[in-house]
Amino acid sequence: MKNLFDAENVPLLLLKERAFNFRWAETAPDVIPLTAADPDFRAAPEISRAIAEYALDGVFSYGPHQGLNSFKQALATGLLKRKNYHLFPELILPIDSVASAMYAVARCYLQPGDEAIIFDPVDFLFEQAALAAGASVKRCPFDEQRGAFCFEQLPKLINNRTKLIGVCNPHNPLGLIMSKAELEQLALLAQKHNLIILNDEIWSDIVYPVQQMTSFHHLSNALQQQVVTVYGFSKAFALAGLRVGAIFAPNQAHYQALVNAANVMTTAGGVSTLSQIAATEAILNCWYWVDAFIAHLTHLRDYAVTRLNQMPGIQCRIPAATYLLFPDIRATGLCADEFVKECLKDKLAIVPGNERFFGPAAKGHVRICFATSFSILQQGLDRMETTLIRLGVTSNAV
């Protein structure tokens, strides 16, 4: 078990063939990509076996339009046991990834001319999903001094065109977990103004020891009635390429509306049966792999944060969740895009904290994914330090 995430278990040759989205297959052979949020490790072996056993039967017919009942039941059973979520299988809609789920939720609840409130910074999919539905966004800012979002500003952002609030919990890229009081405030606000909360919990299984993951699904049933949750398997179970996730609806009326918006009742929508088989195995039998992964990540997180804070020009908060770091690089004198280009000269790829990826408040930051081996992470940080030395950065003063 302790060797699951050693350097020898990073299948570099396969990653360089198969790991796209800014990763190994899209960078030069000598570049270390600490970029897209996708683990460098093989998934739990039980998942591969489940796929293989199903595939060997040789029958690949269409599955049910609204997903396999066995998968829906597994989600309800598995998340009750693991996270104390009380979900109804009949209100779970399998879908081809959390990204697709976000677009489906936006299509369901937003019309051209509507507005959605999202946080700043936050993953770009919140804005893109709203824009694709014809809506516009307003952003709730982050207070760097408090290390928290400005919830007190939310009522000022609401008007008669506001229809949805996008919540990323745990948060990408900041690694924050929202408190129960914050979630209750959001739920009450949504009820008061008849807003839908798009609750993205793709990161809810990567939470570090001592930290407590609080979800809308831990609130009263009454406070959950405006909450639509999207959940997936790419971050905790390393199944990004299988593109499998689910939407949790609060009641039958919302479920039916989401079915219509997701286009699953025709062959234009839906999720692969093989992917549902894999996700079922993951949720029922592979939490041991997630627990070992979190133990590995905890060591890497602590090492990386300490190391980054010792580098001139870099300041980094410690995340409570996710395997992402979002260091402040403003003291280097470079903007995020410039800094990323300079790191690439030293064979390190990271993600710029620019408006395209995370919104205006990401300015002056970069994002680093550390879901890899210790040795690869160490080499990557060595290369960043080389960049800072080459640039002559000596101070942490902004």
Protein backbone atom coordinates (compact mmCIF):
# COMPACT_ATOMS: atom_id res chain seq x y z
CA MET A 1 0.00 0.00 0.00
CA LYS A 2 2.73 2.48 0.96
CA ASN A 3 4.34 2.09 -2.47
CA LEU A 4 1.23 2.98 -4.52
CA PHE A 5 2.48 6.50 -5.17
CA ASP A 6 6.24 6.08 -5.40
CA ALA A 7 8.11 7.52 -8.38
CA GLU A 8 8.35 4.09 -10.01
CA ASN A 9 4.54 4.00 -10.15
CA VAL A 10 4.35 7.07 -12.40
CA PRO A 11 3.93 5.50 -15.87
CA LEU A 12 5.80 8.21 -17.76
CA LEU A 13 5.83 6.48 -21.13
CA LEU A 14 2.06 6.03 -21.04
CA LEU A 15 1.50 9.55 -19.74
CA LYS A 16 3.50 10.96 -22.64
CA GLU A 17 1.16 9.10 -24.99
CA ARG A 18 -2.16 9.63 -23.21
CA ALA A 19 -2.06 12.57 -20.76
CA PHE A 20 -3.35 15.60 -22.69
CA ASN A 21 -4.92 18.91 -21.55
CA PHE A 22 -1.61 20.78 -21.01
CA ARG A 23 0.07 17.68 -19.59
CA TRP A 24 2.76 15.17 -20.59
CA ALA A 25 1.43 14.43 -24.07
CA GLU A 26 1.26 18.14 -24.98
CA THR A 27 4.63 19.31 -23.69
CA ALA A 28 8.16 18.76 -24.87
CA PRO A 29 9.75 15.49 -23.65
CA ASP A 30 12.08 17.28 -21.23
CA VAL A 31 9.38 19.48 -19.63
CA ILE A 32 7.77 18.69 -16.26
CA PRO A 33 4.08 19.66 -16.45
CA LEU A 34 2.58 20.57 -13.06
CA THR A 35 -0.45 21.86 -14.91
CA ALA A 36 -3.92 20.35 -15.33
CA ALA A 37 -5.50 18.86 -12.22
CA ASP A 38 -5.11 15.20 -13.10
CA PRO A 39 -3.05 12.61 -11.19
CA ASP A 40 0.08 11.08 -12.67
CA PHE A 41 -0.77 7.66 -11.23
CA ARG A 42 -2.66 4.62 -12.47
CA ALA A 43 -6.18 4.20 -11.12
CA ALA A 44 -6.93 1.52 -8.54
CA PRO A 45 -6.51 -1.95 -10.14
CA GLU A 46 -10.04 -2.98 -9.21
CA ILE A 47 -11.36 -0.36 -11.63
CA SER A 48 -9.34 -1.71 -14.54
CA ARG A 49 -10.50 -5.24 -13.75
CA ALA A 50 -14.15 -4.19 -13.60
CA ILE A 51 -13.88 -2.55 -17.03
CA ALA A 52 -12.06 -5.56 -18.48
CA GLU A 53 -14.55 -8.09 -17.14
CA TYR A 54 -17.48 -6.14 -18.55
CA ALA A 55 -15.72 -5.63 -21.89
CA LEU A 56 -14.83 -9.29 -22.29
CA ASP A 57 -18.51 -10.14 -22.60
CA GLY A 58 -18.38 -8.31 -25.92
CA VAL A 59 -21.81 -6.67 -25.68
CA PHE A 60 -21.73 -2.87 -25.92
CA SER A 61 -25.38 -1.98 -26.31
CA TYR A 62 -26.96 1.33 -25.36
CA GLY A 63 -27.51 1.75 -21.62
CA PRO A 64 -30.53 3.33 -19.93
CA HIS A 65 -31.09 6.95 -20.91
CA GLN A 66 -30.93 8.11 -17.31
CA GLY A 67 -27.98 5.96 -16.32
CA LEU A 68 -27.47 2.53 -14.82
CA ASN A 69 -29.58 1.95 -11.72
CA SER A 70 -26.65 0.05 -10.23
CA PHE A 71 -24.45 3.15 -10.57
CA LYS A 72 -27.08 5.44 -9.06
CA GLN A 73 -27.59 3.08 -6.14
CA ALA A 74 -23.83 2.78 -5.65
CA LEU A 75 -23.50 6.56 -5.44
CA ALA A 76 -26.27 6.81 -2.86
CA THR A 77 -24.87 3.92 -0.81
CA GLY A 78 -21.22 4.86 -1.14
CA LEU A 79 -21.62 8.56 -0.32
CA LEU A 80 -23.86 7.80 2.65
CA LYS A 81 -21.18 5.57 4.11
CA ARG A 82 -18.23 7.77 3.20
CA LYS A 83 -19.61 11.30 3.64
CA ASN A 84 -23.01 11.00 5.31
CA TYR A 85 -24.89 12.31 2.27
CA HIS A 86 -28.53 11.27 2.17
CA LEU A 87 -29.16 10.94 -1.56
CA PHE A 88 -32.06 9.32 -3.40
CA PRO A 89 -30.95 7.15 -6.35
CA GLU A 90 -33.95 8.29 -8.37
CA LEU A 91 -32.72 11.90 -8.09
CA ILE A 92 -29.20 11.12 -9.35
CA LEU A 93 -28.52 11.76 -13.04
CA PRO A 94 -25.30 10.20 -14.44
CA ILE A 95 -23.58 12.43 -16.99
CA ASP A 96 -20.35 12.55 -18.98
CA SER A 97 -18.19 14.56 -16.55
CA VAL A 98 -18.64 17.43 -14.14
CA ALA A 99 -17.83 19.89 -16.93
CA SER A 100 -20.80 18.62 -18.96
CA ALA A 101 -22.90 18.66 -15.81
CA MET A 102 -22.11 22.33 -15.22
CA TYR A 103 -23.16 23.23 -18.74
CA ALA A 104 -26.37 21.20 -18.35
CA VAL A 105 -27.23 22.95 -15.09
CA ALA A 106 -26.58 26.36 -16.67
CA ARG A 107 -28.78 25.45 -19.65
CA CYS A 108 -31.49 24.32 -17.30
CA TYR A 109 -31.70 27.44 -15.14
CA LEU A 110 -30.28 30.31 -17.18
CA GLN A 111 -31.74 32.13 -20.18
CA PRO A 112 -30.23 34.85 -22.39
CA GLY A 113 -30.16 38.06 -20.38
CA ASP A 114 -30.00 36.31 -16.99
CA GLU A 115 -27.15 36.75 -14.53
CA ALA A 116 -25.16 34.28 -12.47
CA ILE A 117 -23.01 35.07 -9.44
CA ILE A 118 -19.65 33.32 -9.29
CA PHE A 119 -16.62 33.73 -7.06
CA ASP A 120 -13.37 35.43 -8.01
CA PRO A 121 -11.05 33.69 -8.52
CA VAL A 122 -12.62 30.39 -9.54
CA ASP A 123 -12.28 27.76 -12.26
CA PHE A 124 -13.20 29.14 -15.69
CA LEU A 125 -15.96 26.57 -16.28
CA PHE A 126 -18.37 28.52 -14.08
CA GLU A 127 -18.17 31.55 -16.32
CA GLN A 128 -18.08 29.53 -19.54
CA ALA A 129 -21.16 27.51 -18.62
CA ALA A 130 -23.11 30.69 -17.85
CA LEU A 131 -21.98 32.41 -21.05
CA ALA A 132 -22.90 29.35 -23.12
CA ALA A 133 -26.44 29.63 -21.76
CA GLY A 134 -26.59 33.28 -22.82
CA ALA A 135 -26.21 34.71 -19.32
CA SER A 136 -23.60 37.07 -17.87
CA VAL A 137 -21.69 36.82 -14.60
CA LYS A 138 -21.06 38.96 -11.56
CA ARG A 139 -18.19 38.07 -9.26
CA CYS A 140 -17.97 37.90 -5.48
CA PRO A 141 -14.40 38.92 -4.55
CA PHE A 142 -11.85 37.24 -2.30
CA ASP A 143 -10.41 39.16 0.65
CA GLU A 144 -6.72 38.27 0.80
CA GLN A 145 -6.28 39.74 4.27
CA ARG A 146 -9.02 37.59 5.79
CA GLY A 147 -8.36 34.64 3.52
CA ALA A 148 -12.09 34.39 2.78
CA PHE A 149 -14.66 35.42 0.21
CA CYS A 150 -16.67 38.59 0.81
CA PHE A 151 -20.03 36.98 1.52
CA GLU A 152 -21.32 40.29 2.83
CA GLN A 153 -21.26 41.59 -0.74
CA LEU A 154 -23.52 38.89 -2.16
CA PRO A 155 -26.86 40.67 -1.52
CA LYS A 156 -25.57 43.70 -3.45
CA LEU A 157 -24.89 41.51 -6.49
CA ILE A 158 -28.46 40.21 -6.73
CA ASN A 159 -31.10 41.82 -8.93
CA ASN A 160 -34.20 40.65 -10.78
CA ARG A 161 -32.05 39.06 -13.51
CA THR A 162 -30.04 36.93 -11.07
CA LYS A 163 -30.93 33.25 -11.33
CA LEU A 164 -27.95 31.21 -10.13
CA ILE A 165 -24.98 31.19 -7.74
CA GLY A 166 -22.00 29.03 -8.65
CA VAL A 167 -20.19 27.47 -5.69
CA CYS A 168 -16.93 25.53 -5.91
CA ASN A 169 -16.48 23.64 -2.63
CA PRO A 170 -13.68 22.77 -2.02
CA HIS A 171 -12.41 25.63 -4.07
CA ASN A 172 -10.28 25.54 -7.21
CA PRO A 173 -7.72 27.16 -7.21
CA LEU A 174 -7.57 28.37 -3.59
CA GLY A 175 -8.04 25.03 -1.83
CA LEU A 176 -10.53 26.52 0.64
CA ILE A 177 -13.42 24.63 2.25
CA MET A 178 -16.55 26.64 2.94
CA SER A 179 -17.84 26.61 6.51
CA LYS A 180 -21.26 25.38 7.54
CA ALA A 181 -22.25 28.98 8.38
CA GLU A 182 -21.23 30.15 4.89
CA LEU A 183 -23.19 27.35 3.23
CA GLU A 184 -26.25 28.13 5.34
CA GLN A 185 -25.96 31.80 4.39
CA LEU A 186 -25.84 30.86 0.72
CA ALA A 187 -28.77 28.47 1.01
CA LEU A 188 -30.92 31.03 2.81
CA LEU A 189 -30.02 33.68 0.25
CA ALA A 190 -30.98 31.31 -2.56
CA GLN A 191 -34.32 30.58 -0.94
CA LYS A 192 -35.06 34.25 -0.32
CA HIS A 193 -34.41 35.22 -3.95
CA ASN A 194 -35.46 31.94 -5.60
CA LEU A 195 -31.96 31.24 -6.94
CA ILE A 196 -30.38 27.93 -7.89
CA ILE A 197 -27.03 27.03 -6.35
CA LEU A 198 -24.75 25.16 -8.73
CA ASN A 199 -22.67 23.26 -6.19
CA ASP A 200 -19.47 21.83 -7.70
CA GLU A 201 -18.05 19.11 -5.44
CA ILE A 202 -15.51 17.60 -7.80
CA TRP A 203 -12.83 18.20 -5.11
CA SER A 204 -14.87 17.04 -2.11
CA ASP A 205 -12.92 13.77 -1.72
CA ILE A 206 -9.47 15.40 -1.57
CA VAL A 207 -9.55 16.90 1.93
CA TYR A 208 -6.51 16.89 4.21
CA PRO A 209 -6.30 15.41 7.73
CA VAL A 210 -7.68 17.60 10.54
CA GLN A 211 -9.82 19.50 8.01
CA GLN A 212 -13.60 19.02 7.95
CA MET A 213 -15.47 18.90 4.65
CA THR A 214 -18.88 20.52 5.10
CA SER A 215 -21.36 20.18 2.27
CA PHE A 216 -24.79 21.53 1.47
CA HIS A 217 -25.76 17.87 1.88
CA HIS A 218 -25.01 18.18 5.59
CA LEU A 219 -27.61 20.92 5.99
CA SER A 220 -31.31 20.41 6.63
CA ASN A 221 -33.40 19.04 3.79
CA ALA A 222 -35.22 22.38 3.61
CA LEU A 223 -31.95 24.23 2.95
CA GLN A 224 -31.02 21.80 0.15
CA GLN A 225 -34.06 22.47 -2.01
CA GLN A 226 -32.34 25.12 -4.17
CA VAL A 227 -29.06 23.20 -4.44
CA VAL A 228 -28.03 21.18 -7.51
CA THR A 229 -24.75 19.32 -6.95
CA VAL A 230 -22.32 18.11 -9.61
CA TYR A 231 -19.94 15.31 -8.65
CA GLY A 232 -17.24 13.43 -10.49
CA PHE A 233 -14.42 10.89 -10.41
CA SER A 234 -11.49 12.56 -12.14
CA LYS A 235 -9.75 14.16 -9.15
CA ALA A 236 -9.97 11.53 -6.41
CA PHE A 237 -10.04 8.36 -8.53
CA ALA A 238 -7.89 9.39 -11.54
CA LEU A 239 -10.66 8.70 -14.08
CA ALA A 240 -10.64 11.94 -16.08
CA GLY A 241 -10.43 10.18 -19.44
CA LEU A 242 -13.54 8.11 -18.69
CA ARG A 243 -15.60 11.30 -18.44
CA VAL A 244 -18.09 10.20 -15.83
CA GLY A 245 -19.94 12.19 -13.22
CA ALA A 246 -23.41 12.80 -11.84
CA ILE A 247 -25.90 15.51 -10.95
CA PHE A 248 -27.72 15.33 -7.61
CA ALA A 249 -31.14 16.98 -7.84
CA PRO A 250 -32.98 18.15 -4.70
CA ASN A 251 -36.43 16.92 -5.80
CA GLN A 252 -38.32 15.33 -8.67
CA ALA A 253 -39.26 18.59 -10.39
CA HIS A 254 -35.62 19.70 -10.58
CA TYR A 255 -34.55 16.22 -11.64
CA GLN A 256 -36.93 16.18 -14.58
CA ALA A 257 -35.85 19.65 -15.68
CA LEU A 258 -32.21 18.54 -15.57
CA VAL A 259 -32.98 15.39 -17.57
CA ASN A 260 -34.46 17.59 -20.27
CA ALA A 261 -31.55 20.04 -20.24
CA ALA A 262 -28.90 17.30 -20.32
CA ASN A 263 -30.23 15.76 -23.56
CA VAL A 264 -29.96 12.26 -22.10
CA MET A 265 -33.30 11.08 -23.48
CA THR A 266 -31.81 10.85 -26.95
CA THR A 267 -28.57 9.29 -28.13
CA ALA A 268 -27.09 12.80 -28.24
CA GLY A 269 -26.48 12.73 -24.48
CA GLY A 270 -25.63 10.36 -21.67
CA VAL A 271 -22.53 8.71 -20.29
CA SER A 272 -20.70 5.57 -21.43
CA THR A 273 -21.85 2.36 -19.77
CA LEU A 274 -18.20 1.31 -19.37
CA SER A 275 -17.51 4.55 -17.51
CA GLN A 276 -20.41 3.90 -15.16
CA ILE A 277 -19.10 0.40 -14.48
CA ALA A 278 -15.72 1.92 -13.57
CA ALA A 279 -17.24 4.60 -11.34
CA THR A 280 -19.43 2.04 -9.58
CA GLU A 281 -16.37 -0.01 -8.70
CA ALA A 282 -14.57 3.13 -7.52
CA ILE A 283 -17.32 4.34 -5.22
CA LEU A 284 -17.95 0.93 -3.68
CA ASN A 285 -14.48 -0.58 -3.36
CA CYS A 286 -11.66 1.90 -3.95
CA TRP A 287 -11.68 4.36 -1.07
CA TYR A 288 -8.56 2.66 0.26
CA TRP A 289 -6.76 4.04 -2.82
CA VAL A 290 -8.12 7.56 -2.16
CA ASP A 291 -7.00 7.40 1.49
CA ALA A 292 -3.49 6.34 0.48
CA PHE A 293 -3.46 9.07 -2.17
CA ILE A 294 -4.41 11.72 0.40
CA ALA A 295 -1.64 10.53 2.72
CA HIS A 296 0.84 10.88 -0.14
CA LEU A 297 -0.53 14.28 -1.12
CA THR A 298 -0.33 15.56 2.45
CA HIS A 299 3.42 14.98 2.47
CA LEU A 300 3.81 16.66 -0.92
CA ARG A 301 1.61 19.61 0.01
CA ASP A 302 3.57 20.35 3.17
CA TYR A 303 6.89 20.03 1.36
CA ALA A 304 5.80 22.23 -1.56
CA VAL A 305 4.31 25.02 0.56
CA THR A 306 7.42 25.16 2.75
CA ARG A 307 9.68 25.14 -0.28
CA LEU A 308 7.73 27.81 -2.16
CA ASN A 309 7.66 30.14 0.84
CA GLN A 310 11.44 29.91 1.03
CA MET A 311 11.80 31.12 -2.56
CA PRO A 312 12.32 34.84 -3.23
CA GLY A 313 9.31 36.52 -4.76
CA ILE A 314 6.89 33.71 -3.84
CA GLN A 315 4.20 33.53 -1.15
CA CYS A 316 1.93 30.50 -0.84
CA ARG A 317 -1.04 29.64 1.38
CA ILE A 318 -1.51 26.06 2.53
CA PRO A 319 -4.65 24.51 1.00
CA ALA A 320 -7.17 22.66 3.16
CA ALA A 321 -8.25 20.56 0.18
CA THR A 322 -7.41 19.80 -3.49
CA TYR A 323 -3.93 19.03 -4.81
CA LEU A 324 -3.49 22.56 -6.13
CA LEU A 325 -1.29 25.42 -4.96
CA PHE A 326 -1.93 29.03 -5.93
CA PRO A 327 1.19 30.98 -4.99
CA ASP A 328 1.40 34.75 -5.24
CA ILE A 329 4.27 35.67 -7.58
CA ARG A 330 3.76 39.46 -7.72
CA ALA A 331 7.02 40.14 -5.88
CA THR A 332 8.92 38.68 -8.83
CA GLY A 333 7.95 41.78 -10.81
CA LEU A 334 6.38 39.65 -13.53
CA CYS A 335 2.77 39.04 -14.43
CA ALA A 336 1.54 35.45 -14.35
CA ASP A 337 1.82 34.87 -18.09
CA GLU A 338 5.38 36.23 -18.16
CA PHE A 339 6.39 34.12 -15.17
CA VAL A 340 4.96 30.97 -16.75
CA LYS A 341 6.91 31.67 -19.95
CA GLU A 342 10.11 32.12 -17.96
CA CYS A 343 9.54 28.84 -16.09
CA LEU A 344 9.00 27.07 -19.39
CA LYS A 345 12.49 28.16 -20.45
CA ASP A 346 13.71 26.07 -17.52
CA LYS A 347 11.53 23.12 -18.57
CA LEU A 348 8.70 23.58 -16.08
CA ALA A 349 5.06 24.03 -17.18
CA ILE A 350 2.54 25.57 -14.77
CA VAL A 351 -0.77 27.38 -15.22
CA PRO A 352 -0.93 31.20 -15.21
CA GLY A 353 -3.40 32.80 -12.84
CA ASN A 354 -4.95 34.95 -15.51
CA GLU A 355 -8.49 36.05 -16.26
CA ARG A 356 -8.97 33.36 -18.89
CA PHE A 357 -8.53 30.50 -16.42
CA PHE A 358 -9.67 31.90 -13.09
CA GLY A 359 -11.01 35.46 -13.37
CA PRO A 360 -9.58 38.94 -12.68
CA ALA A 361 -8.68 38.23 -9.03
CA ALA A 362 -6.22 35.54 -10.11
CA LYS A 363 -3.84 38.25 -11.28
CA GLY A 364 -0.32 37.83 -9.91
CA HIS A 365 -0.68 34.11 -9.14
CA VAL A 366 0.16 30.80 -10.77
CA ARG A 367 -1.41 27.40 -10.21
CA ILE A 368 0.65 24.29 -9.51
CA CYS A 369 -0.75 20.76 -9.51
CA PHE A 370 1.22 18.40 -7.26
CA ALA A 371 -0.60 15.09 -7.91
CA THR A 372 2.62 13.38 -8.90
CA SER A 373 5.58 11.66 -7.25
CA PHE A 374 7.76 13.41 -4.71
CA SER A 375 10.78 13.27 -7.01
CA ILE A 376 8.92 14.85 -9.96
CA LEU A 377 7.53 17.58 -7.72
CA GLN A 378 10.98 18.20 -6.26
CA GLN A 379 12.49 18.49 -9.73
CA GLY A 380 9.73 20.87 -10.78
CA LEU A 381 10.31 23.15 -7.80
CA ASP A 382 14.06 22.99 -8.40
CA ARG A 383 13.39 24.33 -11.89
CA MET A 384 11.21 27.14 -10.56
CA GLU A 385 14.01 28.10 -8.19
CA THR A 386 16.41 28.08 -11.13
CA THR A 387 14.08 30.49 -12.94
CA LEU A 388 13.99 32.86 -9.98
CA ILE A 389 17.79 32.81 -9.69
CA ARG A 390 18.16 33.41 -13.41
CA LEU A 391 15.75 36.37 -13.18
CA GLY A 392 17.67 37.81 -10.25
CA VAL A 393 14.69 37.82 -7.87
CA THR A 394 15.89 38.41 -4.30
CA SER A 395 12.98 39.87 -2.35
CA ASN A 396 9.43 38.94 -1.30
CA ALA A 397 8.33 42.55 -1.19
CA VAL A 398 5.56 43.36 -3.67
